[in-house]
Amino acid sequence: FCFLRRRRPPRSTQSRSSAASDVYKRQAPRRSLSILVLGAPGSGRTSICKLLSQKYGFVQVSTSSLLKDQIARKTAVGKEIAPKLRNGSLVSNDIVNGLLHERLEQADCKIHGYVLDGFPKNIDQIQALDDLKINPNLIILLECPDDVIKQRLESRKVDPITGEVYDIDNNLPEDKDIQRRLQTI
C-alpha cells in the first residue's frame, strides 16, 4: 500500500521568504483522504478495507455495518429495514444514502479520513456520490476471476448470533461455540 505514502520534495536552495512560506504550508492541516473500494462480493473488498483501516488509521465505513447497527439499536430505520434484510430484499437508496451521509459527517471521518466499503452498488448510488459530496481521493477497483469469487462465496459462513462473516477454509474462528454454530449452517 505504498500509494498512500507521500514523498517529500528534495530540498533546494531557497530564499528565506520562500522557505518561511513552505514551513507555513507544512503546518496547515491536510485534507483527510477518502477512499472507495469497489469490487464484486468475494473479491476481497472488505478485507482490503480492514487492512487500510488498521494500517493507516482510516475509519472503515461499511454500508452493511451501518444497516446492521440500525437494527441492533432498534431505531425506527432499523425496524423498517430488518424484514427487508431477512427476506433478502434491497434497502431503499434513500435510507442507505441518508445513513451514509450522516456517518461521513461525523468528526472521526473528517479528521482521519475513511475507506468506504459497499457503496456505490447501483447507478442511483453512483449519482448520489455528487449529491452527498463524496469526492474520493482514491478509487480502488478489485478484479477477481469468477471461479475464485464462486469458491470464496461458497466457503463463507455467517454467525447467526453476531452476524460476523467467516471464511471456513481460511479464517475459522478460535472460539469453539462459534465453530459449532457455523457447522449447523
N, C-alpha and C. Protein backbone atom coordinates (compact mmCIF):
# COMPACT_ATOMS: atom_id res chain seq x y z
N PHE A 1 0.81 -1.19 0.00
CA PHE A 1 0.00 0.00 0.00
C PHE A 1 0.85 1.25 0.00
N CYS A 2 1.89 1.23 -0.78
CA CYS A 2 2.80 2.36 -0.85
C CYS A 2 2.16 3.59 -1.47
N PHE A 3 1.04 3.43 -2.13
CA PHE A 3 0.42 4.56 -2.81
C PHE A 3 -0.06 5.62 -1.84
N LEU A 4 -0.12 5.31 -0.55
CA LEU A 4 -0.58 6.28 0.43
C LEU A 4 0.56 7.06 1.07
N ARG A 5 1.77 6.66 0.82
CA ARG A 5 2.90 7.38 1.39
C ARG A 5 3.20 8.60 0.54
N ARG A 6 3.48 9.69 1.21
CA ARG A 6 3.79 10.92 0.49
C ARG A 6 5.28 11.15 0.55
N ARG A 7 5.85 11.40 -0.59
CA ARG A 7 7.27 11.69 -0.63
C ARG A 7 7.47 13.18 -0.49
N ARG A 8 8.50 13.53 0.24
CA ARG A 8 8.84 14.95 0.37
C ARG A 8 9.66 15.37 -0.83
N PRO A 9 9.43 16.57 -1.33
CA PRO A 9 10.25 17.05 -2.44
C PRO A 9 11.67 17.30 -1.96
N PRO A 10 12.66 17.14 -2.83
CA PRO A 10 14.04 17.37 -2.41
C PRO A 10 14.23 18.83 -2.02
N ARG A 11 15.07 19.05 -1.02
CA ARG A 11 15.37 20.42 -0.59
C ARG A 11 16.24 21.10 -1.62
N SER A 12 15.94 22.32 -1.85
CA SER A 12 16.75 23.09 -2.78
C SER A 12 17.15 24.38 -2.10
N THR A 13 17.98 25.11 -2.74
CA THR A 13 18.37 26.39 -2.17
C THR A 13 17.21 27.35 -2.39
N GLN A 14 16.71 27.89 -1.30
CA GLN A 14 15.56 28.78 -1.35
C GLN A 14 15.89 30.07 -0.62
N SER A 15 15.18 31.09 -0.99
CA SER A 15 15.33 32.33 -0.24
C SER A 15 14.62 32.15 1.09
N ARG A 16 14.92 33.01 2.04
CA ARG A 16 14.30 32.90 3.37
C ARG A 16 12.79 33.04 3.30
N SER A 17 12.29 33.93 2.48
CA SER A 17 10.85 34.14 2.43
C SER A 17 10.12 32.92 1.87
N SER A 18 10.68 32.29 0.84
CA SER A 18 10.00 31.11 0.31
C SER A 18 10.12 29.94 1.27
N ALA A 19 11.24 29.85 1.99
CA ALA A 19 11.39 28.79 2.99
C ALA A 19 10.39 28.98 4.11
N ALA A 20 10.16 30.23 4.50
CA ALA A 20 9.19 30.51 5.56
C ALA A 20 7.78 30.16 5.09
N SER A 21 7.46 30.44 3.85
CA SER A 21 6.12 30.11 3.36
C SER A 21 5.94 28.59 3.26
N ASP A 22 7.03 27.86 2.95
CA ASP A 22 6.94 26.40 2.93
C ASP A 22 6.66 25.85 4.33
N VAL A 23 7.26 26.43 5.34
CA VAL A 23 7.01 25.99 6.71
C VAL A 23 5.55 26.21 7.05
N TYR A 24 5.02 27.36 6.65
CA TYR A 24 3.62 27.65 6.91
C TYR A 24 2.73 26.63 6.21
N LYS A 25 3.05 26.30 4.97
CA LYS A 25 2.24 25.34 4.22
C LYS A 25 2.28 23.96 4.87
N ARG A 26 3.44 23.56 5.39
CA ARG A 26 3.55 22.24 6.01
C ARG A 26 2.76 22.16 7.30
N GLN A 27 2.56 23.30 7.97
CA GLN A 27 1.83 23.29 9.22
C GLN A 27 0.32 23.38 9.01
N ALA A 28 -0.09 23.75 7.83
CA ALA A 28 -1.52 23.83 7.55
C ALA A 28 -2.12 22.43 7.56
N PRO A 29 -3.34 22.29 8.06
CA PRO A 29 -3.93 20.95 8.11
C PRO A 29 -4.16 20.40 6.71
N ARG A 30 -3.92 19.12 6.60
CA ARG A 30 -4.15 18.44 5.32
C ARG A 30 -5.57 17.91 5.28
N ARG A 31 -6.10 17.85 4.09
CA ARG A 31 -7.42 17.27 3.91
C ARG A 31 -7.31 15.76 4.11
N SER A 32 -8.23 15.20 4.87
CA SER A 32 -8.18 13.76 5.10
C SER A 32 -8.54 13.03 3.82
N LEU A 33 -8.01 11.83 3.67
CA LEU A 33 -8.25 11.04 2.47
C LEU A 33 -9.60 10.33 2.53
N SER A 34 -10.22 10.22 1.39
CA SER A 34 -11.42 9.40 1.26
C SER A 34 -11.16 8.40 0.14
N ILE A 35 -11.42 7.14 0.46
CA ILE A 35 -11.10 6.06 -0.47
C ILE A 35 -12.35 5.22 -0.70
N LEU A 36 -12.64 4.93 -1.95
CA LEU A 36 -13.71 3.99 -2.30
C LEU A 36 -13.05 2.69 -2.72
N VAL A 37 -13.53 1.59 -2.19
CA VAL A 37 -13.05 0.27 -2.61
C VAL A 37 -14.23 -0.44 -3.26
N LEU A 38 -14.06 -0.75 -4.55
CA LEU A 38 -15.12 -1.36 -5.33
C LEU A 38 -14.71 -2.76 -5.77
N GLY A 39 -15.66 -3.64 -5.86
CA GLY A 39 -15.39 -4.98 -6.34
C GLY A 39 -16.59 -5.87 -6.08
N ALA A 40 -16.61 -6.99 -6.75
CA ALA A 40 -17.71 -7.94 -6.60
C ALA A 40 -17.69 -8.56 -5.21
N PRO A 41 -18.82 -9.07 -4.74
CA PRO A 41 -18.81 -9.83 -3.49
C PRO A 41 -17.80 -10.98 -3.61
N GLY A 42 -16.98 -11.15 -2.60
CA GLY A 42 -15.98 -12.20 -2.63
C GLY A 42 -14.66 -11.78 -3.25
N SER A 43 -14.55 -10.53 -3.69
CA SER A 43 -13.31 -10.07 -4.32
C SER A 43 -12.26 -9.65 -3.30
N GLY A 44 -12.64 -9.57 -2.04
CA GLY A 44 -11.69 -9.16 -1.01
C GLY A 44 -11.85 -7.71 -0.60
N ARG A 45 -12.94 -7.10 -1.00
CA ARG A 45 -13.19 -5.68 -0.74
C ARG A 45 -13.15 -5.35 0.76
N THR A 46 -13.88 -6.09 1.56
CA THR A 46 -13.93 -5.81 2.99
C THR A 46 -12.59 -6.09 3.65
N SER A 47 -11.89 -7.12 3.21
CA SER A 47 -10.56 -7.41 3.77
C SER A 47 -9.59 -6.28 3.49
N ILE A 48 -9.61 -5.75 2.28
CA ILE A 48 -8.74 -4.64 1.92
C ILE A 48 -9.10 -3.41 2.76
N CYS A 49 -10.38 -3.16 2.93
CA CYS A 49 -10.81 -2.02 3.74
C CYS A 49 -10.32 -2.15 5.18
N LYS A 50 -10.41 -3.35 5.74
CA LYS A 50 -9.92 -3.57 7.10
C LYS A 50 -8.42 -3.33 7.19
N LEU A 51 -7.68 -3.83 6.21
CA LEU A 51 -6.23 -3.61 6.21
C LEU A 51 -5.87 -2.14 6.13
N LEU A 52 -6.51 -1.41 5.24
CA LEU A 52 -6.25 0.03 5.11
C LEU A 52 -6.59 0.76 6.40
N SER A 53 -7.69 0.37 6.99
CA SER A 53 -8.14 0.99 8.23
C SER A 53 -7.13 0.75 9.36
N GLN A 54 -6.68 -0.49 9.49
CA GLN A 54 -5.74 -0.83 10.55
C GLN A 54 -4.36 -0.21 10.34
N LYS A 55 -3.87 -0.27 9.11
CA LYS A 55 -2.51 0.19 8.83
C LYS A 55 -2.39 1.71 8.84
N TYR A 56 -3.39 2.41 8.29
CA TYR A 56 -3.26 3.85 8.12
C TYR A 56 -4.19 4.67 9.00
N GLY A 57 -5.03 4.02 9.79
CA GLY A 57 -5.88 4.75 10.72
C GLY A 57 -7.14 5.34 10.11
N PHE A 58 -7.51 4.92 8.90
CA PHE A 58 -8.75 5.39 8.32
C PHE A 58 -9.93 4.79 9.07
N VAL A 59 -11.05 5.45 8.99
CA VAL A 59 -12.28 4.91 9.54
C VAL A 59 -12.88 4.01 8.46
N GLN A 60 -13.20 2.79 8.82
CA GLN A 60 -13.83 1.88 7.87
C GLN A 60 -15.33 2.10 7.93
N VAL A 61 -15.91 2.50 6.80
CA VAL A 61 -17.34 2.76 6.73
C VAL A 61 -17.93 1.74 5.77
N SER A 62 -18.78 0.89 6.31
CA SER A 62 -19.42 -0.16 5.52
C SER A 62 -20.92 0.05 5.55
N THR A 63 -21.55 0.06 4.39
CA THR A 63 -23.00 0.26 4.37
C THR A 63 -23.72 -0.88 5.08
N SER A 64 -23.21 -2.10 4.96
CA SER A 64 -23.88 -3.21 5.65
C SER A 64 -23.75 -3.05 7.17
N SER A 65 -22.63 -2.55 7.65
CA SER A 65 -22.48 -2.31 9.09
C SER A 65 -23.41 -1.20 9.56
N LEU A 66 -23.58 -0.18 8.73
CA LEU A 66 -24.50 0.91 9.10
C LEU A 66 -25.92 0.38 9.25
N LEU A 67 -26.32 -0.49 8.33
CA LEU A 67 -27.67 -1.07 8.39
C LEU A 67 -27.82 -1.99 9.60
N LYS A 68 -26.82 -2.83 9.84
CA LYS A 68 -26.87 -3.74 10.99
C LYS A 68 -26.91 -2.97 12.30
N ASP A 69 -26.20 -1.85 12.36
CA ASP A 69 -26.18 -1.02 13.56
C ASP A 69 -27.58 -0.45 13.85
N GLN A 70 -28.28 -0.04 12.80
CA GLN A 70 -29.63 0.48 12.97
C GLN A 70 -30.56 -0.59 13.54
N ILE A 71 -30.40 -1.81 13.05
CA ILE A 71 -31.22 -2.93 13.54
C ILE A 71 -30.87 -3.24 15.00
N ALA A 72 -29.58 -3.27 15.31
CA ALA A 72 -29.14 -3.59 16.67
C ALA A 72 -29.61 -2.54 17.68
N ARG A 73 -29.63 -1.28 17.26
CA ARG A 73 -30.06 -0.21 18.17
C ARG A 73 -31.58 -0.04 18.20
N LYS A 74 -32.28 -0.83 17.38
CA LYS A 74 -33.74 -0.84 17.33
C LYS A 74 -34.32 0.55 17.05
N THR A 75 -33.68 1.24 16.10
CA THR A 75 -34.17 2.55 15.69
C THR A 75 -35.37 2.36 14.77
N ALA A 76 -36.04 3.47 14.45
CA ALA A 76 -37.17 3.40 13.52
C ALA A 76 -36.71 2.87 12.16
N VAL A 77 -35.54 3.33 11.72
CA VAL A 77 -35.00 2.84 10.45
C VAL A 77 -34.68 1.35 10.57
N GLY A 78 -34.10 0.95 11.69
CA GLY A 78 -33.77 -0.45 11.91
C GLY A 78 -34.99 -1.35 11.86
N LYS A 79 -36.08 -0.89 12.46
CA LYS A 79 -37.32 -1.67 12.44
C LYS A 79 -37.89 -1.78 11.03
N GLU A 80 -37.68 -0.72 10.23
CA GLU A 80 -38.19 -0.73 8.85
C GLU A 80 -37.37 -1.65 7.95
N ILE A 81 -36.06 -1.68 8.16
CA ILE A 81 -35.21 -2.44 7.24
C ILE A 81 -34.98 -3.89 7.64
N ALA A 82 -35.21 -4.22 8.91
CA ALA A 82 -34.95 -5.59 9.38
C ALA A 82 -35.68 -6.64 8.55
N PRO A 83 -36.99 -6.50 8.31
CA PRO A 83 -37.67 -7.52 7.50
C PRO A 83 -37.13 -7.61 6.07
N LYS A 84 -36.74 -6.46 5.52
CA LYS A 84 -36.19 -6.46 4.16
C LYS A 84 -34.89 -7.26 4.09
N LEU A 85 -34.02 -7.03 5.07
CA LEU A 85 -32.75 -7.75 5.07
C LEU A 85 -32.94 -9.24 5.33
N ARG A 86 -33.90 -9.59 6.20
CA ARG A 86 -34.17 -11.01 6.45
C ARG A 86 -34.67 -11.71 5.20
N ASN A 87 -35.46 -11.00 4.40
CA ASN A 87 -36.03 -11.58 3.17
C ASN A 87 -35.08 -11.48 1.99
N GLY A 88 -33.96 -10.82 2.16
CA GLY A 88 -33.01 -10.67 1.07
C GLY A 88 -33.38 -9.55 0.11
N SER A 89 -34.33 -8.70 0.51
CA SER A 89 -34.72 -7.56 -0.33
C SER A 89 -33.71 -6.43 -0.18
N LEU A 90 -33.72 -5.53 -1.14
CA LEU A 90 -32.82 -4.38 -1.09
C LEU A 90 -33.42 -3.27 -0.23
N VAL A 91 -32.56 -2.59 0.48
CA VAL A 91 -32.97 -1.42 1.25
C VAL A 91 -32.96 -0.23 0.30
N SER A 92 -33.91 0.67 0.46
CA SER A 92 -34.02 1.80 -0.47
C SER A 92 -32.75 2.66 -0.45
N ASN A 93 -32.46 3.22 -1.60
CA ASN A 93 -31.30 4.10 -1.72
C ASN A 93 -31.40 5.30 -0.80
N ASP A 94 -32.61 5.82 -0.59
CA ASP A 94 -32.78 6.98 0.29
C ASP A 94 -32.30 6.67 1.70
N ILE A 95 -32.62 5.49 2.19
CA ILE A 95 -32.18 5.10 3.54
C ILE A 95 -30.67 4.93 3.58
N VAL A 96 -30.12 4.19 2.63
CA VAL A 96 -28.67 3.96 2.59
C VAL A 96 -27.93 5.29 2.45
N ASN A 97 -28.38 6.13 1.54
CA ASN A 97 -27.72 7.42 1.32
C ASN A 97 -27.78 8.29 2.57
N GLY A 98 -28.92 8.29 3.25
CA GLY A 98 -29.05 9.09 4.47
C GLY A 98 -28.13 8.61 5.58
N LEU A 99 -28.09 7.30 5.78
CA LEU A 99 -27.20 6.74 6.81
C LEU A 99 -25.74 7.02 6.49
N LEU A 100 -25.39 6.88 5.23
CA LEU A 100 -24.01 7.11 4.82
C LEU A 100 -23.63 8.58 5.00
N HIS A 101 -24.49 9.48 4.58
CA HIS A 101 -24.21 10.91 4.73
C HIS A 101 -24.01 11.26 6.20
N GLU A 102 -24.90 10.75 7.04
CA GLU A 102 -24.81 11.01 8.48
C GLU A 102 -23.48 10.50 9.05
N ARG A 103 -23.06 9.33 8.61
CA ARG A 103 -21.81 8.74 9.13
C ARG A 103 -20.58 9.51 8.65
N LEU A 104 -20.56 9.89 7.39
CA LEU A 104 -19.39 10.57 6.84
C LEU A 104 -19.24 11.99 7.37
N GLU A 105 -20.31 12.55 7.93
CA GLU A 105 -20.25 13.89 8.51
C GLU A 105 -19.71 13.87 9.94
N GLN A 106 -19.54 12.69 10.52
CA GLN A 106 -19.03 12.62 11.89
C GLN A 106 -17.55 12.99 11.92
N ALA A 107 -17.12 13.48 13.07
CA ALA A 107 -15.78 14.05 13.22
C ALA A 107 -14.67 13.06 12.89
N ASP A 108 -14.81 11.80 13.28
CA ASP A 108 -13.72 10.85 13.04
C ASP A 108 -13.45 10.66 11.56
N CYS A 109 -14.49 10.67 10.74
CA CYS A 109 -14.31 10.53 9.28
C CYS A 109 -13.66 11.78 8.70
N LYS A 110 -14.02 12.92 9.22
CA LYS A 110 -13.45 14.17 8.72
C LYS A 110 -11.99 14.33 9.13
N ILE A 111 -11.65 13.86 10.31
CA ILE A 111 -10.28 14.02 10.82
C ILE A 111 -9.34 12.95 10.27
N HIS A 112 -9.74 11.69 10.36
CA HIS A 112 -8.85 10.57 9.99
C HIS A 112 -9.02 10.11 8.55
N GLY A 113 -10.08 10.55 7.89
CA GLY A 113 -10.36 10.04 6.56
C GLY A 113 -11.10 8.71 6.68
N TYR A 114 -11.55 8.21 5.56
CA TYR A 114 -12.33 6.98 5.61
C TYR A 114 -12.08 6.14 4.38
N VAL A 115 -12.38 4.87 4.55
CA VAL A 115 -12.35 3.93 3.44
C VAL A 115 -13.77 3.36 3.37
N LEU A 116 -14.39 3.52 2.20
CA LEU A 116 -15.80 3.20 2.04
C LEU A 116 -15.97 1.85 1.35
N ASP A 117 -16.70 0.97 2.02
CA ASP A 117 -16.91 -0.40 1.56
C ASP A 117 -18.39 -0.62 1.29
N GLY A 118 -18.72 -1.06 0.09
CA GLY A 118 -20.10 -1.42 -0.21
C GLY A 118 -20.94 -0.30 -0.78
N PHE A 119 -20.32 0.74 -1.23
CA PHE A 119 -21.04 1.86 -1.83
C PHE A 119 -20.14 2.49 -2.87
N PRO A 120 -20.63 2.76 -4.04
CA PRO A 120 -21.97 2.58 -4.57
C PRO A 120 -22.17 1.18 -5.13
N LYS A 121 -23.42 0.74 -5.10
CA LYS A 121 -23.76 -0.59 -5.63
C LYS A 121 -24.65 -0.53 -6.86
N ASN A 122 -25.20 0.64 -7.16
CA ASN A 122 -26.07 0.75 -8.33
C ASN A 122 -25.94 2.15 -8.93
N ILE A 123 -26.59 2.35 -10.05
CA ILE A 123 -26.49 3.63 -10.78
C ILE A 123 -26.99 4.80 -9.95
N ASP A 124 -28.10 4.61 -9.23
CA ASP A 124 -28.63 5.70 -8.41
C ASP A 124 -27.65 6.10 -7.31
N GLN A 125 -26.95 5.12 -6.74
CA GLN A 125 -25.96 5.44 -5.71
C GLN A 125 -24.73 6.11 -6.31
N ILE A 126 -24.39 5.76 -7.54
CA ILE A 126 -23.28 6.45 -8.20
C ILE A 126 -23.63 7.93 -8.37
N GLN A 127 -24.86 8.19 -8.79
CA GLN A 127 -25.30 9.58 -8.94
C GLN A 127 -25.38 10.29 -7.59
N ALA A 128 -25.66 9.54 -6.53
CA ALA A 128 -25.74 10.13 -5.20
C ALA A 128 -24.37 10.57 -4.67
N LEU A 129 -23.29 10.04 -5.25
CA LEU A 129 -21.96 10.48 -4.82
C LEU A 129 -21.84 12.00 -4.91
N ASP A 130 -22.34 12.58 -6.00
CA ASP A 130 -22.31 14.03 -6.15
C ASP A 130 -23.23 14.71 -5.14
N ASP A 131 -24.43 14.18 -4.99
CA ASP A 131 -25.39 14.79 -4.06
C ASP A 131 -24.86 14.78 -2.63
N LEU A 132 -24.17 13.70 -2.26
CA LEU A 132 -23.63 13.58 -0.91
C LEU A 132 -22.27 14.26 -0.76
N LYS A 133 -21.79 14.82 -1.85
CA LYS A 133 -20.48 15.49 -1.88
C LYS A 133 -19.35 14.53 -1.49
N ILE A 134 -19.44 13.31 -1.99
CA ILE A 134 -18.39 12.32 -1.78
C ILE A 134 -17.46 12.41 -2.98
N ASN A 135 -16.29 12.96 -2.76
CA ASN A 135 -15.29 13.12 -3.81
C ASN A 135 -14.04 12.35 -3.39
N PRO A 136 -13.98 11.07 -3.72
CA PRO A 136 -12.86 10.26 -3.24
C PRO A 136 -11.52 10.71 -3.82
N ASN A 137 -10.49 10.62 -2.97
CA ASN A 137 -9.13 10.89 -3.43
C ASN A 137 -8.59 9.70 -4.20
N LEU A 138 -9.11 8.53 -3.89
CA LEU A 138 -8.61 7.30 -4.49
C LEU A 138 -9.76 6.32 -4.64
N ILE A 139 -9.82 5.68 -5.79
CA ILE A 139 -10.80 4.62 -6.03
C ILE A 139 -10.01 3.35 -6.35
N ILE A 140 -10.28 2.31 -5.59
CA ILE A 140 -9.62 1.02 -5.82
C ILE A 140 -10.66 0.06 -6.37
N LEU A 141 -10.40 -0.47 -7.55
CA LEU A 141 -11.29 -1.44 -8.17
C LEU A 141 -10.61 -2.80 -8.12
N LEU A 142 -11.22 -3.73 -7.41
CA LEU A 142 -10.67 -5.07 -7.27
C LEU A 142 -11.28 -5.97 -8.34
N GLU A 143 -10.42 -6.58 -9.12
CA GLU A 143 -10.88 -7.53 -10.13
C GLU A 143 -10.47 -8.92 -9.67
N CYS A 144 -11.37 -9.84 -9.86
CA CYS A 144 -11.14 -11.20 -9.39
C CYS A 144 -11.84 -12.16 -10.36
N PRO A 145 -11.18 -13.26 -10.73
CA PRO A 145 -11.82 -14.22 -11.65
C PRO A 145 -13.10 -14.81 -11.04
N ASP A 146 -14.06 -15.10 -11.90
CA ASP A 146 -15.35 -15.61 -11.45
C ASP A 146 -15.23 -16.91 -10.65
N ASP A 147 -14.32 -17.80 -11.06
CA ASP A 147 -14.20 -19.07 -10.34
C ASP A 147 -13.67 -18.86 -8.92
N VAL A 148 -12.79 -17.88 -8.74
CA VAL A 148 -12.27 -17.57 -7.40
C VAL A 148 -13.38 -16.97 -6.54
N ILE A 149 -14.16 -16.07 -7.11
CA ILE A 149 -15.28 -15.46 -6.38
C ILE A 149 -16.27 -16.54 -5.96
N LYS A 150 -16.59 -17.46 -6.87
CA LYS A 150 -17.53 -18.54 -6.56
C LYS A 150 -17.00 -19.39 -5.40
N GLN A 151 -15.73 -19.74 -5.46
CA GLN A 151 -15.12 -20.54 -4.40
C GLN A 151 -15.18 -19.80 -3.06
N ARG A 152 -14.86 -18.52 -3.06
CA ARG A 152 -14.87 -17.73 -1.82
C ARG A 152 -16.28 -17.62 -1.25
N LEU A 153 -17.27 -17.38 -2.10
CA LEU A 153 -18.63 -17.24 -1.61
C LEU A 153 -19.17 -18.55 -1.06
N GLU A 154 -18.77 -19.67 -1.67
CA GLU A 154 -19.23 -20.97 -1.19
C GLU A 154 -18.62 -21.33 0.17
N SER A 155 -17.45 -20.76 0.48
CA SER A 155 -16.81 -21.08 1.76
C SER A 155 -17.17 -20.08 2.86
N ARG A 156 -18.04 -19.13 2.57
CA ARG A 156 -18.46 -18.14 3.57
C ARG A 156 -19.56 -18.70 4.46
N LYS A 157 -19.43 -18.40 5.74
CA LYS A 157 -20.48 -18.73 6.71
C LYS A 157 -20.70 -17.50 7.58
N VAL A 158 -21.95 -17.24 7.92
CA VAL A 158 -22.30 -16.10 8.75
C VAL A 158 -22.77 -16.62 10.10
N ASP A 159 -22.15 -16.12 11.17
CA ASP A 159 -22.55 -16.49 12.52
C ASP A 159 -23.95 -15.92 12.76
N PRO A 160 -24.93 -16.78 13.06
CA PRO A 160 -26.30 -16.31 13.22
C PRO A 160 -26.49 -15.39 14.42
N ILE A 161 -25.58 -15.41 15.37
CA ILE A 161 -25.73 -14.57 16.55
C ILE A 161 -25.03 -13.22 16.38
N THR A 162 -23.79 -13.23 15.91
CA THR A 162 -23.04 -11.97 15.80
C THR A 162 -23.15 -11.33 14.42
N GLY A 163 -23.50 -12.12 13.42
CA GLY A 163 -23.55 -11.59 12.06
C GLY A 163 -22.18 -11.50 11.41
N GLU A 164 -21.16 -11.93 12.10
CA GLU A 164 -19.79 -11.90 11.56
C GLU A 164 -19.65 -12.95 10.46
N VAL A 165 -18.92 -12.57 9.39
CA VAL A 165 -18.73 -13.47 8.25
C VAL A 165 -17.38 -14.16 8.40
N TYR A 166 -17.37 -15.46 8.21
CA TYR A 166 -16.13 -16.25 8.31
C TYR A 166 -15.90 -17.03 7.03
N ASP A 167 -14.66 -17.12 6.64
CA ASP A 167 -14.26 -17.99 5.54
C ASP A 167 -13.84 -19.30 6.18
N ILE A 168 -14.66 -20.32 6.05
CA ILE A 168 -14.38 -21.56 6.77
C ILE A 168 -13.15 -22.29 6.25
N ASP A 169 -12.67 -21.93 5.05
CA ASP A 169 -11.45 -22.54 4.53
C ASP A 169 -10.20 -21.87 5.06
N ASN A 170 -10.25 -20.56 5.31
CA ASN A 170 -9.04 -19.81 5.68
C ASN A 170 -9.13 -19.03 6.97
N ASN A 171 -10.33 -18.81 7.50
CA ASN A 171 -10.47 -17.92 8.64
C ASN A 171 -11.44 -18.48 9.66
N LEU A 172 -11.22 -19.71 10.07
CA LEU A 172 -12.10 -20.33 11.05
C LEU A 172 -11.84 -19.71 12.43
N PRO A 173 -12.87 -19.30 13.14
CA PRO A 173 -12.68 -18.66 14.44
C PRO A 173 -12.14 -19.65 15.47
N GLU A 174 -11.41 -19.11 16.45
CA GLU A 174 -10.85 -19.97 17.50
C GLU A 174 -11.91 -20.37 18.52
N ASP A 175 -12.93 -19.55 18.69
CA ASP A 175 -13.99 -19.81 19.66
C ASP A 175 -14.78 -21.06 19.24
N LYS A 176 -14.80 -22.06 20.13
CA LYS A 176 -15.46 -23.33 19.84
C LYS A 176 -16.97 -23.17 19.69
N ASP A 177 -17.59 -22.25 20.44
CA ASP A 177 -19.03 -22.03 20.32
C ASP A 177 -19.38 -21.50 18.93
N ILE A 178 -18.58 -20.56 18.44
CA ILE A 178 -18.83 -20.02 17.10
C ILE A 178 -18.63 -21.11 16.05
N GLN A 179 -17.59 -21.94 16.23
CA GLN A 179 -17.36 -23.03 15.28
C GLN A 179 -18.57 -23.97 15.22
N ARG A 180 -19.14 -24.26 16.39
CA ARG A 180 -20.32 -25.14 16.44
C ARG A 180 -21.50 -24.51 15.71
N ARG A 181 -21.69 -23.20 15.93
CA ARG A 181 -22.81 -22.51 15.24
C ARG A 181 -22.62 -22.52 13.74
N LEU A 182 -21.37 -22.35 13.28
CA LEU A 182 -21.10 -22.33 11.85
C LEU A 182 -21.30 -23.70 11.21
N GLN A 183 -21.07 -24.77 11.97
CA GLN A 183 -21.22 -26.12 11.44
C GLN A 183 -22.70 -26.46 11.22
N THR A 184 -23.57 -25.84 12.00
CA THR A 184 -25.01 -26.16 11.87
C THR A 184 -25.65 -25.43 10.69
N ILE A 185 -24.93 -24.50 10.10
CA ILE A 185 -25.49 -23.72 8.98
C ILE A 185 -25.32 -24.49 7.70
